[in-house]
């Protein structure tokens, strides 16, 4: 797209089918902002700001304040000077600006699927995606439905209930899952150091069991962000891999953890990490081991995120975008969002 754009935005709300339960509590409504940039020739670029403030991004109100203070006509210079304190805004505006350049001029059609001429979804089959299971015993009831839909990698939230209860459910889950399933355990920084060691030891013991045909791929963010050195130590002490998530929520954090010696897995949430162009540069320079993951965005931000995942993923790891079952499929939400205001 060219240098000058007419800028419009609309806030949105989408309710989860059921509350999403994590170490942070329950999440009932996903709120964000849809952006539209129109260049001088009439071409339209779509973007999305989908912040998660407790994860390290700006708040929705800060993003709305930023959008409200912008003029109706904006330029590339404005887009590329968005401050690092607004990483979800950086992603949303750059994605909208890139839309035309990457031939992703598209519209949202029924059930949120894109019709993209000459640009097939880079990873179209469920087997390339990791599906999120509900915390606690709910995982035992839901994995099979998702497996039948084609998902072979699952993520299960831990650090939500008492560790003894979760370990018991975990034991049931790994003996229930189909052979050759990959399982990721996501603590959202909710474990103590001793609990993290217990989980890692439990997973190492399972890895040593040749009869078990389920792979524990990694434990995600076992400890809080400020306990980076302990996670680095644990990553060198156990066979089971550790992936950083909250610790690398933004580009600034990603660079800092790499500089401090992290050579394990980095979970990248494009929707809140910041500038896509700077993310590309960092990944190309350092060849890091990445897992790309959703922030429960709509199809607009997801398309931009999948584009980055297709470009930058290494080591053939499933991407964490298997989250459609957490939302009702409202076929007209996008059109009504834009046209009814």
C-alpha atoms as a PDB file:
ATOM      1  CA  UNK A   1       0.000   0.000   0.000  1.00  0.00           C
ATOM      2  CA  UNK A   2       1.091   3.578  -0.492  1.00  0.00           C
ATOM      3  CA  UNK A   3       2.221   6.151   2.023  1.00  0.00           C
ATOM      4  CA  UNK A   4      -1.053   7.920   2.966  1.00  0.00           C
ATOM      5  CA  UNK A   5      -4.234   6.268   4.314  1.00  0.00           C
ATOM      6  CA  UNK A   6      -7.696   7.152   5.525  1.00  0.00           C
ATOM      7  CA  UNK A   7      -7.882   5.621   9.014  1.00  0.00           C
ATOM      8  CA  UNK A   8     -11.006   4.167  10.661  1.00  0.00           C
ATOM      9  CA  UNK A   9     -11.449   1.886  13.658  1.00  0.00           C
ATOM     10  CA  UNK A  10     -14.184   0.008  15.517  1.00  0.00           C
ATOM     11  CA  UNK A  11     -14.018  -1.630  18.972  1.00  0.00           C
ATOM     12  CA  UNK A  12     -15.524  -5.128  19.265  1.00  0.00           C
ATOM     13  CA  UNK A  13     -16.563  -7.645  21.927  1.00  0.00           C
ATOM     14  CA  UNK A  14     -16.838 -11.424  21.507  1.00  0.00           C
ATOM     15  CA  UNK A  15     -18.073 -13.685  24.270  1.00  0.00           C
ATOM     16  CA  UNK A  16     -16.374 -17.014  24.957  1.00  0.00           C
ATOM     17  CA  UNK A  17     -18.651 -20.059  24.763  1.00  0.00           C
ATOM     18  CA  UNK A  18     -17.453 -20.857  28.283  1.00  0.00           C
ATOM     19  CA  UNK A  19     -15.114 -18.960  30.576  1.00  0.00           C
ATOM     20  CA  UNK A  20     -11.443 -19.470  29.775  1.00  0.00           C
ATOM     21  CA  UNK A  21      -9.816 -20.481  33.070  1.00  0.00           C
ATOM     22  CA  UNK A  22      -6.104 -19.858  33.618  1.00  0.00           C
ATOM     23  CA  UNK A  23      -3.778 -18.978  36.457  1.00  0.00           C
ATOM     24  CA  UNK A  24      -4.937 -15.357  35.964  1.00  0.00           C
ATOM     25  CA  UNK A  25      -8.588 -16.204  36.651  1.00  0.00           C
ATOM     26  CA  UNK A  26     -11.609 -16.435  34.342  1.00  0.00           C
ATOM     27  CA  UNK A  27     -11.868 -14.617  31.009  1.00  0.00           C
ATOM     28  CA  UNK A  28     -15.403 -14.205  29.630  1.00  0.00           C
ATOM     29  CA  UNK A  29     -15.271 -11.566  26.870  1.00  0.00           C
ATOM     30  CA  UNK A  30     -12.573 -10.913  24.264  1.00  0.00           C
ATOM     31  CA  UNK A  31     -12.384  -7.206  23.453  1.00  0.00           C
ATOM     32  CA  UNK A  32     -10.322  -5.580  20.724  1.00  0.00           C
ATOM     33  CA  UNK A  33     -10.275  -3.066  17.891  1.00  0.00           C
ATOM     34  CA  UNK A  34     -10.612  -3.589  14.123  1.00  0.00           C
ATOM     35  CA  UNK A  35      -8.639  -1.133  11.951  1.00  0.00           C
ATOM     36  CA  UNK A  36      -9.265  -0.131   8.345  1.00  0.00           C
ATOM     37  CA  UNK A  37      -6.728   1.727   6.212  1.00  0.00           C
ATOM     38  CA  UNK A  38      -7.734   2.940   2.747  1.00  0.00           C
ATOM     39  CA  UNK A  39      -5.021   4.254   0.418  1.00  0.00           C
ATOM     40  CA  UNK A  40      -5.332   6.879  -2.339  1.00  0.00           C
ATOM     41  CA  UNK A  41      -6.236   4.256  -4.948  1.00  0.00           C
ATOM     42  CA  UNK A  42      -9.063   2.872  -2.793  1.00  0.00           C
ATOM     43  CA  UNK A  43      -7.321  -0.333  -1.695  1.00  0.00           C
ATOM     44  CA  UNK A  44      -8.260  -1.432   1.805  1.00  0.00           C
ATOM     45  CA  UNK A  45      -6.012  -2.953   4.465  1.00  0.00           C
ATOM     46  CA  UNK A  46      -7.420  -4.543   7.622  1.00  0.00           C
ATOM     47  CA  UNK A  47      -5.701  -4.806  10.977  1.00  0.00           C
ATOM     48  CA  UNK A  48      -6.602  -5.751  14.527  1.00  0.00           C
ATOM     49  CA  UNK A  49      -5.491  -4.627  17.963  1.00  0.00           C
ATOM     50  CA  UNK A  50      -6.086  -7.482  20.428  1.00  0.00           C
ATOM     51  CA  UNK A  51      -4.330  -6.573  23.689  1.00  0.00           C
ATOM     52  CA  UNK A  52      -3.907  -8.787  26.752  1.00  0.00           C
ATOM     53  CA  UNK A  53      -2.778  -6.357  29.429  1.00  0.00           C
ATOM     54  CA  UNK A  54      -2.107  -8.976  32.125  1.00  0.00           C
ATOM     55  CA  UNK A  55       0.224 -10.690  29.674  1.00  0.00           C
ATOM     56  CA  UNK A  56       2.374  -7.636  29.091  1.00  0.00           C
ATOM     57  CA  UNK A  57       0.669  -5.573  26.384  1.00  0.00           C
ATOM     58  CA  UNK A  58      -1.088  -2.227  26.711  1.00  0.00           C
ATOM     59  CA  UNK A  59      -4.658  -2.146  27.997  1.00  0.00           C
ATOM     60  CA  UNK A  60      -7.646  -1.890  25.658  1.00  0.00           C
ATOM     61  CA  UNK A  61      -8.282   1.641  26.975  1.00  0.00           C
ATOM     62  CA  UNK A  62      -4.718   2.713  26.165  1.00  0.00           C
ATOM     63  CA  UNK A  63      -5.127   1.313  22.638  1.00  0.00           C
ATOM     64  CA  UNK A  64      -8.462   3.107  22.207  1.00  0.00           C
ATOM     65  CA  UNK A  65      -6.940   6.362  23.474  1.00  0.00           C
ATOM     66  CA  UNK A  66      -4.158   6.010  20.927  1.00  0.00           C
ATOM     67  CA  UNK A  67      -6.609   5.404  18.069  1.00  0.00           C
ATOM     68  CA  UNK A  68      -8.819   8.324  19.137  1.00  0.00           C
ATOM     69  CA  UNK A  69      -5.952  10.811  19.109  1.00  0.00           C
ATOM     70  CA  UNK A  70      -4.818   9.916  15.583  1.00  0.00           C
ATOM     71  CA  UNK A  71      -5.904  12.079  12.640  1.00  0.00           C
ATOM     72  CA  UNK A  72      -8.264  10.665  10.011  1.00  0.00           C
ATOM     73  CA  UNK A  73      -5.393  10.665   7.516  1.00  0.00           C
ATOM     74  CA  UNK A  74      -2.247   8.819   8.635  1.00  0.00           C
ATOM     75  CA  UNK A  75       1.088   7.918   7.023  1.00  0.00           C
ATOM     76  CA  UNK A  76       3.693   5.156   7.161  1.00  0.00           C
ATOM     77  CA  UNK A  77       5.786   7.458   9.326  1.00  0.00           C
ATOM     78  CA  UNK A  78       3.052   7.518  11.973  1.00  0.00           C
ATOM     79  CA  UNK A  79       2.608   3.735  11.797  1.00  0.00           C
ATOM     80  CA  UNK A  80       6.314   2.967  12.199  1.00  0.00           C
ATOM     81  CA  UNK A  81       6.737   5.444  15.061  1.00  0.00           C
ATOM     82  CA  UNK A  82       4.161   3.817  17.382  1.00  0.00           C
ATOM     83  CA  UNK A  83       5.968   3.483  20.743  1.00  0.00           C
ATOM     84  CA  UNK A  84       7.058   0.108  22.170  1.00  0.00           C
ATOM     85  CA  UNK A  85       4.649   0.628  25.090  1.00  0.00           C
ATOM     86  CA  UNK A  86       1.840  -0.109  22.586  1.00  0.00           C
ATOM     87  CA  UNK A  87       2.912  -3.491  21.102  1.00  0.00           C
ATOM     88  CA  UNK A  88      -0.595  -4.653  20.131  1.00  0.00           C
ATOM     89  CA  UNK A  89      -1.088  -1.319  18.326  1.00  0.00           C
ATOM     90  CA  UNK A  90       2.248  -1.786  16.521  1.00  0.00           C
ATOM     91  CA  UNK A  91       1.097  -5.204  15.307  1.00  0.00           C
ATOM     92  CA  UNK A  92      -2.382  -4.045  14.293  1.00  0.00           C
ATOM     93  CA  UNK A  93      -1.296  -1.000  12.312  1.00  0.00           C
ATOM     94  CA  UNK A  94       1.679  -2.677  10.598  1.00  0.00           C
ATOM     95  CA  UNK A  95      -0.506  -5.654   9.651  1.00  0.00           C
ATOM     96  CA  UNK A  96      -3.056  -3.328   8.064  1.00  0.00           C
ATOM     97  CA  UNK A  97      -0.275  -1.453   6.266  1.00  0.00           C
ATOM     98  CA  UNK A  98       1.241  -4.717   4.959  1.00  0.00           C
ATOM     99  CA  UNK A  99      -2.099  -6.138   3.831  1.00  0.00           C
ATOM    100  CA  UNK A 100      -1.924  -4.824   0.272  1.00  0.00           C
ATOM    101  CA  UNK A 101       1.800  -5.432  -0.136  1.00  0.00           C
ATOM    102  CA  UNK A 102       1.410  -9.164   0.552  1.00  0.00           C
ATOM    103  CA  UNK A 103      -1.638  -9.559  -1.707  1.00  0.00           C
ATOM    104  CA  UNK A 104      -3.899 -10.342   1.244  1.00  0.00           C
ATOM    105  CA  UNK A 105      -6.680  -8.008   0.112  1.00  0.00           C
ATOM    106  CA  UNK A 106      -9.635  -9.988   1.361  1.00  0.00           C
ATOM    107  CA  UNK A 107     -12.959  -9.911   3.121  1.00  0.00           C
ATOM    108  CA  UNK A 108     -14.313 -11.838   6.051  1.00  0.00           C
ATOM    109  CA  UNK A 109     -16.964 -14.287   4.904  1.00  0.00           C
ATOM    110  CA  UNK A 110     -19.290 -16.565   6.915  1.00  0.00           C
ATOM    111  CA  UNK A 111     -17.881 -18.110  10.101  1.00  0.00           C
ATOM    112  CA  UNK A 112     -14.863 -15.837   9.880  1.00  0.00           C
ATOM    113  CA  UNK A 113     -13.105 -17.516   6.973  1.00  0.00           C
ATOM    114  CA  UNK A 114     -11.141 -15.453   4.497  1.00  0.00           C
ATOM    115  CA  UNK A 115     -11.482 -15.590   0.740  1.00  0.00           C
ATOM    116  CA  UNK A 116      -7.953 -14.749  -0.335  1.00  0.00           C
ATOM    117  CA  UNK A 117      -7.179 -14.794  -4.058  1.00  0.00           C
ATOM    118  CA  UNK A 118      -3.878 -16.552  -4.766  1.00  0.00           C
ATOM    119  CA  UNK A 119      -3.042 -16.688  -1.061  1.00  0.00           C
ATOM    120  CA  UNK A 120      -4.098 -19.985   0.505  1.00  0.00           C
ATOM    121  CA  UNK A 121      -3.910 -20.215   4.280  1.00  0.00           C
ATOM    122  CA  UNK A 122      -0.248 -21.071   4.951  1.00  0.00           C
ATOM    123  CA  UNK A 123      -1.059 -23.941   7.333  1.00  0.00           C
ATOM    124  CA  UNK A 124      -4.576 -25.050   6.435  1.00  0.00           C
ATOM    125  CA  UNK A 125      -4.892 -28.423   8.145  1.00  0.00           C
ATOM    126  CA  UNK A 126      -5.681 -28.990  11.828  1.00  0.00           C
ATOM    127  CA  UNK A 127      -2.640 -31.261  12.240  1.00  0.00           C
ATOM    128  CA  UNK A 128      -0.442 -28.144  12.020  1.00  0.00           C
ATOM    129  CA  UNK A 129      -2.306 -26.574  14.932  1.00  0.00           C
ATOM    130  CA  UNK A 130      -2.200 -27.094  18.679  1.00  0.00           C
ATOM    131  CA  UNK A 131      -5.689 -27.159  20.205  1.00  0.00           C
ATOM    132  CA  UNK A 132      -6.303 -25.686  23.648  1.00  0.00           C
ATOM    133  CA  UNK A 133      -7.951 -27.994  26.170  1.00  0.00           C
ATOM    134  CA  UNK A 134      -9.922 -26.686  29.156  1.00  0.00           C
ATOM    135  CA  UNK A 135      -8.188 -26.686  32.538  1.00  0.00           C
ATOM    136  CA  UNK A 136      -8.878 -29.489  35.012  1.00  0.00           C
ATOM    137  CA  UNK A 137     -10.997 -32.529  34.283  1.00  0.00           C
ATOM    138  CA  UNK A 138     -12.667 -30.874  31.286  1.00  0.00           C
ATOM    139  CA  UNK A 139      -9.646 -31.908  29.208  1.00  0.00           C
ATOM    140  CA  UNK A 140     -10.577 -35.573  29.628  1.00  0.00           C
ATOM    141  CA  UNK A 141     -13.913 -34.965  27.943  1.00  0.00           C
ATOM    142  CA  UNK A 142     -12.892 -32.683  25.103  1.00  0.00           C
ATOM    143  CA  UNK A 143      -9.668 -34.002  23.583  1.00  0.00           C
ATOM    144  CA  UNK A 144     -11.350 -36.786  21.590  1.00  0.00           C
ATOM    145  CA  UNK A 145     -13.709 -34.430  19.742  1.00  0.00           C
ATOM    146  CA  UNK A 146     -10.732 -32.271  18.772  1.00  0.00           C
ATOM    147  CA  UNK A 147      -8.674 -35.307  17.754  1.00  0.00           C
ATOM    148  CA  UNK A 148     -11.477 -36.358  15.403  1.00  0.00           C
ATOM    149  CA  UNK A 149     -11.340 -32.853  13.886  1.00  0.00           C
ATOM    150  CA  UNK A 150      -7.685 -33.491  13.036  1.00  0.00           C
ATOM    151  CA  UNK A 151      -5.774 -31.985  15.969  1.00  0.00           C
ATOM    152  CA  UNK A 152      -2.815 -34.089  17.110  1.00  0.00           C
ATOM    153  CA  UNK A 153      -1.164 -31.569  19.453  1.00  0.00           C
ATOM    154  CA  UNK A 154      -2.900 -30.276  22.584  1.00  0.00           C
ATOM    155  CA  UNK A 155      -2.158 -27.652  25.217  1.00  0.00           C
ATOM    156  CA  UNK A 156      -3.464 -28.127  28.740  1.00  0.00           C
ATOM    157  CA  UNK A 157      -3.503 -25.400  31.381  1.00  0.00           C
ATOM    158  CA  UNK A 158      -1.841 -26.307  34.697  1.00  0.00           C
ATOM    159  CA  UNK A 159      -1.206 -24.259  37.837  1.00  0.00           C
ATOM    160  CA  UNK A 160      -4.945 -23.615  38.053  1.00  0.00           C
ATOM    161  CA  UNK A 161      -5.977 -26.179  40.696  1.00  0.00           C
ATOM    162  CA  UNK A 162      -4.130 -27.974  43.519  1.00  0.00           C
ATOM    163  CA  UNK A 163      -1.050 -29.702  42.106  1.00  0.00           C
ATOM    164  CA  UNK A 164      -1.993 -33.104  43.555  1.00  0.00           C
ATOM    165  CA  UNK A 165      -5.343 -32.935  41.739  1.00  0.00           C
ATOM    166  CA  UNK A 166      -3.738 -31.811  38.487  1.00  0.00           C
ATOM    167  CA  UNK A 167      -1.111 -34.557  38.578  1.00  0.00           C
ATOM    168  CA  UNK A 168      -3.892 -37.104  39.066  1.00  0.00           C
ATOM    169  CA  UNK A 169      -5.842 -35.724  36.088  1.00  0.00           C
ATOM    170  CA  UNK A 170      -2.594 -35.599  34.090  1.00  0.00           C
ATOM    171  CA  UNK A 171      -1.970 -39.293  34.792  1.00  0.00           C
ATOM    172  CA  UNK A 172      -5.460 -40.095  33.483  1.00  0.00           C
ATOM    173  CA  UNK A 173      -5.055 -37.803  30.481  1.00  0.00           C
ATOM    174  CA  UNK A 174      -1.789 -39.233  29.173  1.00  0.00           C
ATOM    175  CA  UNK A 175      -3.160 -42.775  29.406  1.00  0.00           C
ATOM    176  CA  UNK A 176      -6.373 -41.715  27.652  1.00  0.00           C
ATOM    177  CA  UNK A 177      -4.916 -39.715  24.767  1.00  0.00           C
ATOM    178  CA  UNK A 178      -4.474 -41.412  21.418  1.00  0.00           C
ATOM    179  CA  UNK A 179      -1.046 -42.741  20.491  1.00  0.00           C
ATOM    180  CA  UNK A 180       1.372 -40.237  18.939  1.00  0.00           C
ATOM    181  CA  UNK A 181      -0.396 -37.250  20.493  1.00  0.00           C
ATOM    182  CA  UNK A 182       1.820 -34.339  21.537  1.00  0.00           C
ATOM    183  CA  UNK A 183       0.906 -32.605  24.800  1.00  0.00           C
ATOM    184  CA  UNK A 184       2.020 -29.183  26.008  1.00  0.00           C
ATOM    185  CA  UNK A 185       1.547 -28.130  29.629  1.00  0.00           C
ATOM    186  CA  UNK A 186       1.005 -24.389  30.156  1.00  0.00           C
ATOM    187  CA  UNK A 187       1.416 -23.027  33.686  1.00  0.00           C
ATOM    188  CA  UNK A 188       1.122 -19.305  32.830  1.00  0.00           C
ATOM    189  CA  UNK A 189       3.838 -18.644  35.422  1.00  0.00           C
ATOM    190  CA  UNK A 190       1.667 -20.178  38.142  1.00  0.00           C
ATOM    191  CA  UNK A 191       4.000 -22.789  39.684  1.00  0.00           C
ATOM    192  CA  UNK A 192       6.413 -22.502  42.580  1.00  0.00           C
ATOM    193  CA  UNK A 193      10.009 -23.621  42.035  1.00  0.00           C
ATOM    194  CA  UNK A 194       9.330 -26.911  43.874  1.00  0.00           C
ATOM    195  CA  UNK A 195       6.125 -27.520  41.896  1.00  0.00           C
ATOM    196  CA  UNK A 196       7.955 -26.862  38.629  1.00  0.00           C
ATOM    197  CA  UNK A 197      10.607 -29.428  39.578  1.00  0.00           C
ATOM    198  CA  UNK A 198       7.864 -31.950  40.442  1.00  0.00           C
ATOM    199  CA  UNK A 199       6.168 -31.441  37.060  1.00  0.00           C
ATOM    200  CA  UNK A 200       9.481 -31.701  35.179  1.00  0.00           C
ATOM    201  CA  UNK A 201      10.497 -34.834  37.104  1.00  0.00           C
ATOM    202  CA  UNK A 202       7.070 -36.385  36.420  1.00  0.00           C
ATOM    203  CA  UNK A 203       7.388 -35.637  32.711  1.00  0.00           C
ATOM    204  CA  UNK A 204      10.970 -36.950  32.581  1.00  0.00           C
ATOM    205  CA  UNK A 205       9.793 -40.218  34.145  1.00  0.00           C
ATOM    206  CA  UNK A 206       7.087 -40.486  31.494  1.00  0.00           C
ATOM    207  CA  UNK A 207       9.608 -39.844  28.729  1.00  0.00           C
ATOM    208  CA  UNK A 208      11.638 -42.758  30.078  1.00  0.00           C
ATOM    209  CA  UNK A 209       8.599 -45.051  29.720  1.00  0.00           C
ATOM    210  CA  UNK A 210       9.095 -46.618  26.294  1.00  0.00           C
ATOM    211  CA  UNK A 211       5.546 -48.026  26.331  1.00  0.00           C
ATOM    212  CA  UNK A 212       3.941 -44.597  26.474  1.00  0.00           C
ATOM    213  CA  UNK A 213       3.203 -43.329  22.959  1.00  0.00           C
ATOM    214  CA  UNK A 214       2.259 -39.775  24.026  1.00  0.00           C
ATOM    215  CA  UNK A 215       4.944 -37.089  23.755  1.00  0.00           C
ATOM    216  CA  UNK A 216       5.190 -34.355  26.393  1.00  0.00           C
ATOM    217  CA  UNK A 217       6.529 -31.643  24.090  1.00  0.00           C
ATOM    218  CA  UNK A 218       7.285 -28.976  26.706  1.00  0.00           C
ATOM    219  CA  UNK A 219       6.168 -27.169  29.849  1.00  0.00           C
ATOM    220  CA  UNK A 220       5.286 -23.583  29.044  1.00  0.00           C
ATOM    221  CA  UNK A 221       6.263 -20.734  31.399  1.00  0.00           C
ATOM    222  CA  UNK A 222       6.427 -22.758  34.643  1.00  0.00           C
ATOM    223  CA  UNK A 223       7.571 -19.805  36.798  1.00  0.00           C
ATOM    224  CA  UNK A 224       6.753 -16.068  36.924  1.00  0.00           C
ATOM    225  CA  UNK A 225       8.581 -13.697  34.567  1.00  0.00           C
ATOM    226  CA  UNK A 226      10.882 -12.388  37.301  1.00  0.00           C
ATOM    227  CA  UNK A 227      12.247 -15.913  37.917  1.00  0.00           C
ATOM    228  CA  UNK A 228      14.048 -16.143  34.573  1.00  0.00           C
ATOM    229  CA  UNK A 229      17.327 -17.445  36.028  1.00  0.00           C
ATOM    230  CA  UNK A 230      15.529 -20.303  37.808  1.00  0.00           C
ATOM    231  CA  UNK A 231      13.800 -21.285  34.542  1.00  0.00           C
ATOM    232  CA  UNK A 232      17.162 -21.165  32.752  1.00  0.00           C
ATOM    233  CA  UNK A 233      18.606 -23.445  35.433  1.00  0.00           C
ATOM    234  CA  UNK A 234      15.642 -25.854  35.213  1.00  0.00           C
ATOM    235  CA  UNK A 235      15.941 -25.970  31.412  1.00  0.00           C
ATOM    236  CA  UNK A 236      19.479 -27.313  31.791  1.00  0.00           C
ATOM    237  CA  UNK A 237      18.583 -29.808  34.541  1.00  0.00           C
ATOM    238  CA  UNK A 238      15.757 -31.844  33.002  1.00  0.00           C
ATOM    239  CA  UNK A 239      15.091 -33.676  29.752  1.00  0.00           C
ATOM    240  CA  UNK A 240      11.636 -32.142  29.360  1.00  0.00           C
ATOM    241  CA  UNK A 241      11.873 -28.878  27.446  1.00  0.00           C
ATOM    242  CA  UNK A 242      10.715 -25.545  28.826  1.00  0.00           C
ATOM    243  CA  UNK A 243       9.159 -22.871  26.623  1.00  0.00           C
ATOM    244  CA  UNK A 244       9.068 -19.194  27.576  1.00  0.00           C
ATOM    245  CA  UNK A 245       5.781 -17.371  26.994  1.00  0.00           C
ATOM    246  CA  UNK A 246       4.959 -14.467  29.333  1.00  0.00           C
ATOM    247  CA  UNK A 247       8.720 -13.854  29.629  1.00  0.00           C
ATOM    248  CA  UNK A 248       8.869 -13.071  25.898  1.00  0.00           C
ATOM    249  CA  UNK A 249       5.485 -11.384  25.397  1.00  0.00           C
ATOM    250  CA  UNK A 250       7.048  -8.347  23.682  1.00  0.00           C
ATOM    251  CA  UNK A 251      10.004  -7.907  21.348  1.00  0.00           C
ATOM    252  CA  UNK A 252      11.946  -6.088  24.067  1.00  0.00           C
ATOM    253  CA  UNK A 253      11.499  -9.068  26.429  1.00  0.00           C
ATOM    254  CA  UNK A 254      12.319 -11.537  23.643  1.00  0.00           C
ATOM    255  CA  UNK A 255      15.627  -9.809  22.920  1.00  0.00           C
ATOM    256  CA  UNK A 256      16.472  -9.553  26.641  1.00  0.00           C
ATOM    257  CA  UNK A 257      15.897 -13.284  27.296  1.00  0.00           C
ATOM    258  CA  UNK A 258      17.961 -14.231  24.248  1.00  0.00           C
ATOM    259  CA  UNK A 259      20.741 -11.921  25.377  1.00  0.00           C
ATOM    260  CA  UNK A 260      20.684 -13.550  28.842  1.00  0.00           C
ATOM    261  CA  UNK A 261      21.291 -16.960  27.300  1.00  0.00           C
ATOM    262  CA  UNK A 262      17.915 -18.554  26.595  1.00  0.00           C
ATOM    263  CA  UNK A 263      18.323 -21.012  23.720  1.00  0.00           C
ATOM    264  CA  UNK A 264      15.198 -23.056  24.394  1.00  0.00           C
ATOM    265  CA  UNK A 265      11.740 -22.555  22.924  1.00  0.00           C
ATOM    266  CA  UNK A 266      10.175 -19.108  22.526  1.00  0.00           C
ATOM    267  CA  UNK A 267       6.365 -18.896  22.379  1.00  0.00           C
ATOM    268  CA  UNK A 268       5.539 -15.889  20.210  1.00  0.00           C
ATOM    269  CA  UNK A 269       2.113 -14.279  20.310  1.00  0.00           C
ATOM    270  CA  UNK A 270       2.229 -12.045  17.206  1.00  0.00           C
ATOM    271  CA  UNK A 271      -0.860 -10.098  18.278  1.00  0.00           C
ATOM    272  CA  UNK A 272       0.942  -8.564  21.257  1.00  0.00           C
ATOM    273  CA  UNK A 273       4.659  -8.943  20.510  1.00  0.00           C
ATOM    274  CA  UNK A 274       4.960  -5.670  18.601  1.00  0.00           C
ATOM    275  CA  UNK A 275       6.262  -4.765  15.152  1.00  0.00           C
ATOM    276  CA  UNK A 276       6.071  -7.615  12.588  1.00  0.00           C
ATOM    277  CA  UNK A 277       8.955  -6.157  10.566  1.00  0.00           C
ATOM    278  CA  UNK A 278      11.242  -6.038  13.608  1.00  0.00           C
ATOM    279  CA  UNK A 279      10.162  -9.548  14.647  1.00  0.00           C
ATOM    280  CA  UNK A 280      11.149 -10.857  11.203  1.00  0.00           C
ATOM    281  CA  UNK A 281      14.542  -9.178  11.495  1.00  0.00           C
ATOM    282  CA  UNK A 282      15.187 -10.678  14.955  1.00  0.00           C
ATOM    283  CA  UNK A 283      14.143 -14.202  13.951  1.00  0.00           C
ATOM    284  CA  UNK A 284      16.231 -14.137  10.774  1.00  0.00           C
ATOM    285  CA  UNK A 285      19.287 -12.897  12.664  1.00  0.00           C
ATOM    286  CA  UNK A 286      19.083 -15.350  15.570  1.00  0.00           C
ATOM    287  CA  UNK A 287      17.299 -18.446  14.133  1.00  0.00           C
ATOM    288  CA  UNK A 288      15.389 -19.043  17.377  1.00  0.00           C
ATOM    289  CA  UNK A 289      13.177 -22.073  18.102  1.00  0.00           C
ATOM    290  CA  UNK A 290       9.633 -20.658  17.927  1.00  0.00           C
ATOM    291  CA  UNK A 291       6.055 -21.683  18.597  1.00  0.00           C
ATOM    292  CA  UNK A 292       3.536 -19.155  17.287  1.00  0.00           C
ATOM    293  CA  UNK A 293       0.409 -18.783  19.364  1.00  0.00           C
ATOM    294  CA  UNK A 294      -2.984 -17.088  19.372  1.00  0.00           C
ATOM    295  CA  UNK A 295      -4.226 -14.259  21.582  1.00  0.00           C
ATOM    296  CA  UNK A 296      -7.866 -15.214  20.855  1.00  0.00           C
ATOM    297  CA  UNK A 297      -7.963 -12.732  17.997  1.00  0.00           C
ATOM    298  CA  UNK A 298     -10.456 -12.642  15.147  1.00  0.00           C
ATOM    299  CA  UNK A 299      -9.674 -13.928  11.647  1.00  0.00           C
ATOM    300  CA  UNK A 300      -8.167 -10.557  10.723  1.00  0.00           C
ATOM    301  CA  UNK A 301      -5.226 -10.672  13.147  1.00  0.00           C
ATOM    302  CA  UNK A 302      -5.042 -14.440  12.772  1.00  0.00           C
ATOM    303  CA  UNK A 303      -4.324 -14.162   9.041  1.00  0.00           C
ATOM    304  CA  UNK A 304      -1.432 -11.772   9.712  1.00  0.00           C
ATOM    305  CA  UNK A 305      -0.165 -14.004  12.532  1.00  0.00           C
ATOM    306  CA  UNK A 306      -0.314 -17.143  10.379  1.00  0.00           C
ATOM    307  CA  UNK A 307       1.601 -15.347   7.659  1.00  0.00           C
ATOM    308  CA  UNK A 308       4.394 -14.673  10.179  1.00  0.00           C
ATOM    309  CA  UNK A 309       4.240 -18.242  11.460  1.00  0.00           C
ATOM    310  CA  UNK A 310       4.590 -19.604   7.926  1.00  0.00           C
ATOM    311  CA  UNK A 311       7.629 -17.380   7.326  1.00  0.00           C
ATOM    312  CA  UNK A 312       9.414 -17.797  10.651  1.00  0.00           C
ATOM    313  CA  UNK A 313       8.572 -21.210  12.177  1.00  0.00           C
ATOM    314  CA  UNK A 314      11.398 -23.719  12.528  1.00  0.00           C
ATOM    315  CA  UNK A 315      11.594 -27.307  13.853  1.00  0.00           C
ATOM    316  CA  UNK A 316       8.136 -28.211  12.544  1.00  0.00           C
ATOM    317  CA  UNK A 317       6.289 -27.309  15.753  1.00  0.00           C
ATOM    318  CA  UNK A 318       2.485 -27.077  15.708  1.00  0.00           C
ATOM    319  CA  UNK A 319       1.196 -23.531  16.038  1.00  0.00           C
ATOM    320  CA  UNK A 320      -1.144 -22.569  18.861  1.00  0.00           C
ATOM    321  CA  UNK A 321      -4.175 -21.375  16.919  1.00  0.00           C
ATOM    322  CA  UNK A 322      -6.627 -24.196  17.637  1.00  0.00           C
ATOM    323  CA  UNK A 323      -9.033 -21.969  19.561  1.00  0.00           C
ATOM    324  CA  UNK A 324     -12.144 -21.720  17.354  1.00  0.00           C
ATOM    325  CA  UNK A 325     -14.130 -23.957  19.704  1.00  0.00           C
ATOM    326  CA  UNK A 326     -13.910 -21.256  22.393  1.00  0.00           C
ATOM    327  CA  UNK A 327     -16.147 -18.876  20.425  1.00  0.00           C
ATOM    328  CA  UNK A 328     -19.609 -19.091  18.917  1.00  0.00           C
ATOM    329  CA  UNK A 329     -19.345 -18.811  15.142  1.00  0.00           C
ATOM    330  CA  UNK A 330     -21.267 -15.591  14.519  1.00  0.00           C
ATOM    331  CA  UNK A 331     -21.479 -15.334  10.767  1.00  0.00           C
ATOM    332  CA  UNK A 332     -22.339 -11.651  10.541  1.00  0.00           C
ATOM    333  CA  UNK A 333     -20.376 -10.172  13.429  1.00  0.00           C
ATOM    334  CA  UNK A 334     -17.826  -8.444  11.189  1.00  0.00           C
ATOM    335  CA  UNK A 335     -20.274  -6.914   8.746  1.00  0.00           C
ATOM    336  CA  UNK A 336     -22.531  -5.682  11.555  1.00  0.00           C
ATOM    337  CA  UNK A 337     -19.548  -4.280  13.455  1.00  0.00           C
ATOM    338  CA  UNK A 338     -18.573  -2.153  10.494  1.00  0.00           C
ATOM    339  CA  UNK A 339     -21.929  -1.288   8.957  1.00  0.00           C
ATOM    340  CA  UNK A 340     -24.179  -0.688  11.983  1.00  0.00           C
ATOM    341  CA  UNK A 341     -22.157   2.195  13.430  1.00  0.00           C
END
